[in-house]
Amino acid sequence: MEEQNIIESAANPRIKAAVRLRKAKVRRETGRTLVEGVREIQRAAESGWLFHELYYCPELYQDEVLAGNIRDMIHRANVPCFRCSETAFRKMSYRDTPDGLLALSPLIGKTLDQLVLSENPLVLIAEDLEKPGNLGTILRTADAAGVDAVITCDPNTDINNPNVIRASIGSVFFVPVAQASTEETFEWLKKNTIQSIAAVPDALQDYTAVPMQAATAILVGSEDDGLTAFAMDSADQKVSIPMLGKNDSLNVSTAAAILLYEAVRQRR
């Protein structure tokens, strides 16, 4: 590929614009977010995702051949590519150990009406999550479990937070994700005849006792407070995961994984 003039300075306007995308307000205003990392960018590109711009720094490549191939693939898609000095690239990067690829991407996310469901859908609903790492891990698990969609309700964490994309290892580009209020989501579940199963630590019913072969949505709540009263009252079933030690609950991403794979087990 033809080499662009190298962006040397961390004060370059393009570098500054990329850094500002770490803020949710700027992401909403510009309709853009950051995707960093060889695996994440590769998975997005392979899923047909279109980027606005790509920034690369060969001096930081951890796998020179792979990173170069991904850069060339994106360049062939007519995406502007900019080579950066290590100083300029590190200014944009939000990783401790950047691997030399960072892209500007359109925002991720659908409306409920844009979701396309299978005949017997499995959906994960995450309400009021606060930690990007948990949401990213949930997306990775959702991809592995073959869910139809993940819905984030009244989230404190923006699905387009670069750390969500990173924690999902690019799974966010494979799993349809929608954002909506809890009230809107329960209306949507009713409209689509999907039963709702809420994870509640003190529920009397064990999670393995509830049939999940039919269309099912599994609900998990915030790290500190769990599901809201409205979500618990609106759910068709409440289930708990047995806690045999001193702790009274699991990390939300772990609980989501256990419940999703119980649904997978039953459906097999």
Protein backbone atom coordinates (compact mmCIF):
# COMPACT_ATOMS: atom_id res chain seq x y z
CA MET A 1 0.00 0.00 0.00
CA GLU A 2 1.09 3.58 -0.46
CA GLU A 3 2.55 5.15 2.66
CA GLN A 4 0.79 8.22 4.04
CA ASN A 5 2.86 10.98 5.58
CA ILE A 6 3.61 9.82 9.10
CA ILE A 7 1.70 11.53 11.89
CA GLU A 8 4.57 12.35 14.24
CA SER A 9 3.03 14.63 16.86
CA ALA A 10 0.62 13.70 19.64
CA ALA A 11 -0.79 17.20 19.16
CA ASN A 12 -1.95 16.41 15.62
CA PRO A 13 -5.67 17.32 15.19
CA ARG A 14 -6.55 13.75 14.14
CA ILE A 15 -4.91 12.35 17.25
CA LYS A 16 -6.73 14.84 19.45
CA ALA A 17 -10.07 14.00 17.82
CA ALA A 18 -9.51 10.29 18.44
CA VAL A 19 -8.62 10.89 22.09
CA ARG A 20 -11.85 12.83 22.61
CA LEU A 21 -13.83 9.74 21.60
CA ARG A 22 -13.07 8.25 25.00
CA LYS A 23 -15.93 10.45 26.27
CA ALA A 24 -19.49 9.13 25.83
CA LYS A 25 -20.82 12.60 25.03
CA VAL A 26 -18.35 13.04 22.17
CA ARG A 27 -19.15 9.56 20.84
CA ARG A 28 -22.84 10.44 20.73
CA GLU A 29 -22.21 13.80 19.10
CA THR A 30 -19.91 12.43 16.40
CA GLY A 31 -21.53 9.02 15.89
CA ARG A 32 -18.10 7.42 16.23
CA THR A 33 -16.17 5.25 18.64
CA LEU A 34 -12.72 3.68 18.95
CA VAL A 35 -11.86 0.07 18.14
CA GLU A 36 -8.34 -0.89 19.12
CA GLY A 37 -6.45 -4.14 18.73
CA VAL A 38 -5.62 -6.66 16.04
CA ARG A 39 -8.22 -9.24 17.10
CA GLU A 40 -11.02 -6.72 17.55
CA ILE A 41 -10.41 -4.96 14.23
CA GLN A 42 -9.97 -8.26 12.39
CA ARG A 43 -13.27 -9.63 13.72
CA ALA A 44 -15.09 -6.42 12.90
CA ALA A 45 -13.70 -6.37 9.36
CA GLU A 46 -14.54 -10.04 8.81
CA SER A 47 -18.11 -9.39 9.90
CA GLY A 48 -18.43 -6.70 7.23
CA TRP A 49 -18.07 -3.74 9.57
CA LEU A 50 -17.08 -0.52 7.82
CA PHE A 51 -14.57 1.78 9.47
CA HIS A 52 -14.12 5.53 9.01
CA GLU A 53 -10.33 5.60 9.45
CA LEU A 54 -7.47 3.31 10.48
CA TYR A 55 -4.33 4.33 12.36
CA TYR A 56 -1.30 2.04 12.52
CA CYS A 57 2.16 1.95 14.03
CA PRO A 58 4.47 -0.83 12.75
CA GLU A 59 6.88 -0.23 15.63
CA LEU A 60 4.19 -1.55 18.01
CA TYR A 61 3.12 -4.60 16.00
CA GLN A 62 3.20 -7.79 18.07
CA ASP A 63 2.44 -9.93 15.00
CA GLU A 64 3.85 -8.02 12.03
CA VAL A 65 2.40 -10.28 9.33
CA LEU A 66 -1.13 -10.42 10.78
CA ALA A 67 -1.29 -6.71 11.58
CA GLY A 68 0.02 -5.82 8.14
CA ASN A 69 -2.50 -8.08 6.42
CA ILE A 70 -5.39 -6.54 8.36
CA ARG A 71 -4.16 -3.04 7.57
CA ASP A 72 -3.93 -3.91 3.86
CA MET A 73 -7.41 -5.50 3.87
CA ILE A 74 -8.95 -2.36 5.37
CA HIS A 75 -6.99 -0.15 2.98
CA ARG A 76 -8.37 -2.12 0.03
CA ALA A 77 -11.86 -1.31 1.31
CA ASN A 78 -11.04 2.36 0.63
CA VAL A 79 -10.72 3.24 4.30
CA PRO A 80 -8.19 6.08 4.87
CA CYS A 81 -5.13 4.68 6.68
CA PHE A 82 -2.64 6.81 8.60
CA ARG A 83 0.76 5.73 9.81
CA CYS A 84 1.67 7.12 13.23
CA SER A 85 4.82 7.52 15.24
CA GLU A 86 4.91 5.51 18.43
CA THR A 87 4.40 8.71 20.44
CA ALA A 88 1.30 9.72 18.48
CA PHE A 89 -0.20 6.22 18.55
CA ARG A 90 0.29 5.80 22.29
CA LYS A 91 -1.52 9.10 22.81
CA MET A 92 -4.63 7.63 21.12
CA SER A 93 -4.35 4.18 22.66
CA TYR A 94 -6.30 3.24 25.76
CA ARG A 95 -4.29 0.04 26.31
CA ASP A 96 -1.22 -0.53 28.45
CA THR A 97 0.36 -2.59 25.67
CA PRO A 98 -0.99 -1.39 22.30
CA ASP A 99 -0.43 -3.66 19.31
CA GLY A 100 -0.33 -0.99 16.64
CA LEU A 101 -3.83 -0.92 15.15
CA LEU A 102 -6.66 1.47 16.05
CA ALA A 103 -9.76 2.33 14.02
CA LEU A 104 -12.51 4.93 14.12
CA SER A 105 -15.83 3.15 13.81
CA PRO A 106 -19.53 3.98 13.46
CA LEU A 107 -21.48 3.49 16.66
CA ILE A 108 -22.71 0.01 17.51
CA GLY A 109 -26.29 -0.73 18.54
CA LYS A 110 -29.80 -1.31 17.23
CA THR A 111 -33.32 -0.50 18.28
CA LEU A 112 -35.58 -3.28 19.51
CA ASP A 113 -37.54 -3.18 16.25
CA GLN A 114 -34.34 -3.74 14.27
CA LEU A 115 -33.56 -7.05 15.98
CA VAL A 116 -34.08 -10.14 13.82
CA LEU A 117 -35.01 -13.21 15.87
CA SER A 118 -34.91 -16.91 15.11
CA GLU A 119 -38.03 -19.06 15.42
CA ASN A 120 -37.05 -20.01 18.98
CA PRO A 121 -34.96 -17.11 20.28
CA LEU A 122 -32.65 -16.94 23.25
CA VAL A 123 -32.06 -13.38 24.47
CA LEU A 124 -29.94 -11.93 27.25
CA ILE A 125 -31.06 -8.73 28.98
CA ALA A 126 -28.60 -6.80 31.14
CA GLU A 127 -30.10 -4.05 33.25
CA ASP A 128 -28.21 -1.08 34.67
CA LEU A 129 -24.69 -2.52 34.36
CA GLU A 130 -21.89 -0.25 35.49
CA LYS A 131 -18.61 -1.93 34.54
CA PRO A 132 -17.45 -2.07 30.90
CA GLY A 133 -15.51 -5.26 31.58
CA ASN A 134 -18.62 -7.10 32.74
CA LEU A 135 -20.66 -5.99 29.74
CA GLY A 136 -17.88 -6.96 27.36
CA THR A 137 -17.51 -10.37 28.97
CA ILE A 138 -21.27 -10.92 28.76
CA LEU A 139 -21.18 -10.15 25.04
CA ARG A 140 -18.37 -12.66 24.57
CA THR A 141 -20.37 -15.31 26.42
CA ALA A 142 -23.53 -14.44 24.49
CA ASP A 143 -21.69 -15.03 21.23
CA ALA A 144 -20.39 -18.37 22.47
CA ALA A 145 -23.88 -19.44 23.58
CA GLY A 146 -25.44 -18.45 20.26
CA VAL A 147 -27.93 -15.91 21.59
CA ASP A 148 -30.13 -14.00 19.17
CA ALA A 149 -29.53 -10.65 20.84
CA VAL A 150 -28.29 -8.82 23.90
CA ILE A 151 -30.40 -5.94 25.21
CA THR A 152 -28.94 -3.40 27.59
CA CYS A 153 -31.60 -1.67 29.68
CA ASP A 154 -31.02 1.76 31.22
CA PRO A 155 -27.26 1.15 31.15
CA ASN A 156 -24.73 3.11 33.14
CA THR A 157 -22.12 1.75 30.73
CA ASP A 158 -22.24 2.83 27.10
CA ILE A 159 -22.14 -0.14 24.72
CA ASN A 160 -19.74 1.93 22.59
CA ASN A 161 -17.25 2.41 25.41
CA PRO A 162 -13.93 1.26 23.90
CA ASN A 163 -13.34 -0.93 26.95
CA VAL A 164 -16.60 -2.80 26.30
CA ILE A 165 -15.43 -3.52 22.77
CA ARG A 166 -12.06 -4.62 24.11
CA ALA A 167 -13.50 -6.90 26.81
CA SER A 168 -15.79 -8.53 24.25
CA ILE A 169 -12.73 -9.27 22.07
CA GLY A 170 -14.74 -8.11 19.09
CA SER A 171 -17.82 -10.22 19.89
CA VAL A 172 -19.86 -7.03 19.90
CA PHE A 173 -19.59 -7.08 16.10
CA PHE A 174 -21.14 -10.57 15.89
CA VAL A 175 -23.94 -10.34 18.47
CA PRO A 176 -26.86 -7.99 17.73
CA VAL A 177 -27.05 -5.47 20.58
CA ALA A 178 -29.97 -3.15 21.32
CA GLN A 179 -30.46 -0.45 23.94
CA ALA A 180 -33.84 0.35 25.45
CA SER A 181 -35.56 1.14 28.72
CA THR A 182 -36.65 -1.71 30.95
CA GLU A 183 -40.30 -0.84 30.33
CA GLU A 184 -39.84 -0.86 26.55
CA THR A 185 -38.02 -4.17 26.75
CA PHE A 186 -40.80 -5.94 28.63
CA GLU A 187 -43.34 -4.63 26.12
CA TRP A 188 -41.14 -6.04 23.36
CA LEU A 189 -40.89 -9.42 25.12
CA LYS A 190 -44.66 -9.60 25.41
CA LYS A 191 -45.11 -8.63 21.77
CA ASN A 192 -42.74 -11.41 20.67
CA THR A 193 -44.10 -14.02 23.12
CA ILE A 194 -40.77 -14.50 24.89
CA GLN A 195 -40.76 -15.74 28.48
CA SER A 196 -38.57 -13.79 30.91
CA ILE A 197 -36.41 -15.42 33.59
CA ALA A 198 -34.85 -13.11 36.16
CA ALA A 199 -31.72 -13.97 38.13
CA VAL A 200 -32.47 -13.05 41.74
CA PRO A 201 -30.12 -14.21 44.56
CA ASP A 202 -32.89 -14.96 47.07
CA ALA A 203 -35.34 -16.61 44.64
CA LEU A 204 -36.68 -19.93 45.93
CA GLN A 205 -36.59 -21.61 42.53
CA ASP A 206 -33.34 -23.19 41.31
CA TYR A 207 -32.29 -22.07 37.84
CA THR A 208 -32.20 -25.68 36.58
CA ALA A 209 -35.89 -26.18 37.44
CA VAL A 210 -37.24 -23.74 34.84
CA PRO A 211 -37.81 -24.93 31.25
CA MET A 212 -35.88 -22.82 28.77
CA GLN A 213 -36.54 -24.74 25.55
CA ALA A 214 -39.15 -22.21 24.38
CA ALA A 215 -38.41 -18.59 23.44
CA THR A 216 -36.56 -17.23 26.48
CA ALA A 217 -35.01 -14.04 27.77
CA ILE A 218 -32.60 -14.22 30.71
CA LEU A 219 -32.31 -11.09 32.85
CA VAL A 220 -29.33 -10.06 34.98
CA GLY A 221 -28.93 -6.85 36.92
CA SER A 222 -26.37 -4.35 38.13
CA GLU A 223 -23.24 -5.41 39.99
CA ASP A 224 -24.27 -3.78 43.29
CA ASP A 225 -28.06 -3.80 43.38
CA GLY A 226 -29.14 -6.51 40.95
CA LEU A 227 -32.36 -6.11 39.00
CA THR A 228 -34.75 -3.27 39.69
CA ALA A 229 -38.04 -3.95 41.45
CA PHE A 230 -39.87 -3.30 38.19
CA ALA A 231 -37.84 -5.94 36.35
CA MET A 232 -38.30 -8.52 39.09
CA ASP A 233 -42.04 -7.88 39.32
CA SER A 234 -42.44 -8.02 35.55
CA ALA A 235 -40.47 -11.23 34.99
CA ASP A 236 -42.35 -14.47 34.37
CA GLN A 237 -39.96 -16.50 36.53
CA LYS A 238 -37.39 -15.74 39.22
CA VAL A 239 -34.47 -18.12 39.71
CA SER A 240 -31.38 -18.33 41.84
CA ILE A 241 -27.99 -20.01 41.52
CA PRO A 242 -27.07 -22.08 44.61
CA MET A 243 -24.40 -20.41 46.75
CA LEU A 244 -22.69 -22.96 48.99
CA GLY A 245 -19.86 -20.83 50.36
CA LYS A 246 -19.63 -17.55 52.24
CA ASN A 247 -20.51 -15.23 49.35
CA ASP A 248 -24.18 -14.60 48.58
CA SER A 249 -23.89 -13.82 44.87
CA LEU A 250 -21.72 -14.22 41.78
CA ASN A 251 -20.23 -11.66 39.42
CA VAL A 252 -22.94 -10.67 36.95
CA SER A 253 -21.02 -11.97 33.94
CA THR A 254 -20.51 -15.33 35.66
CA ALA A 255 -24.19 -15.58 36.55
CA ALA A 256 -25.15 -14.75 32.97
CA ALA A 257 -22.84 -17.49 31.67
CA ILE A 258 -24.31 -20.13 33.99
CA LEU A 259 -27.89 -19.29 33.01
CA LEU A 260 -27.17 -19.07 29.30
CA TYR A 261 -25.46 -22.43 29.26
CA GLU A 262 -28.30 -24.01 31.17
CA ALA A 263 -30.53 -22.83 28.32
CA VAL A 264 -28.03 -24.27 25.83
CA ARG A 265 -27.99 -27.59 27.71
CA GLN A 266 -31.76 -27.85 27.75
CA ARG A 267 -32.06 -26.96 24.08
CA ARG A 268 -29.58 -29.63 23.06
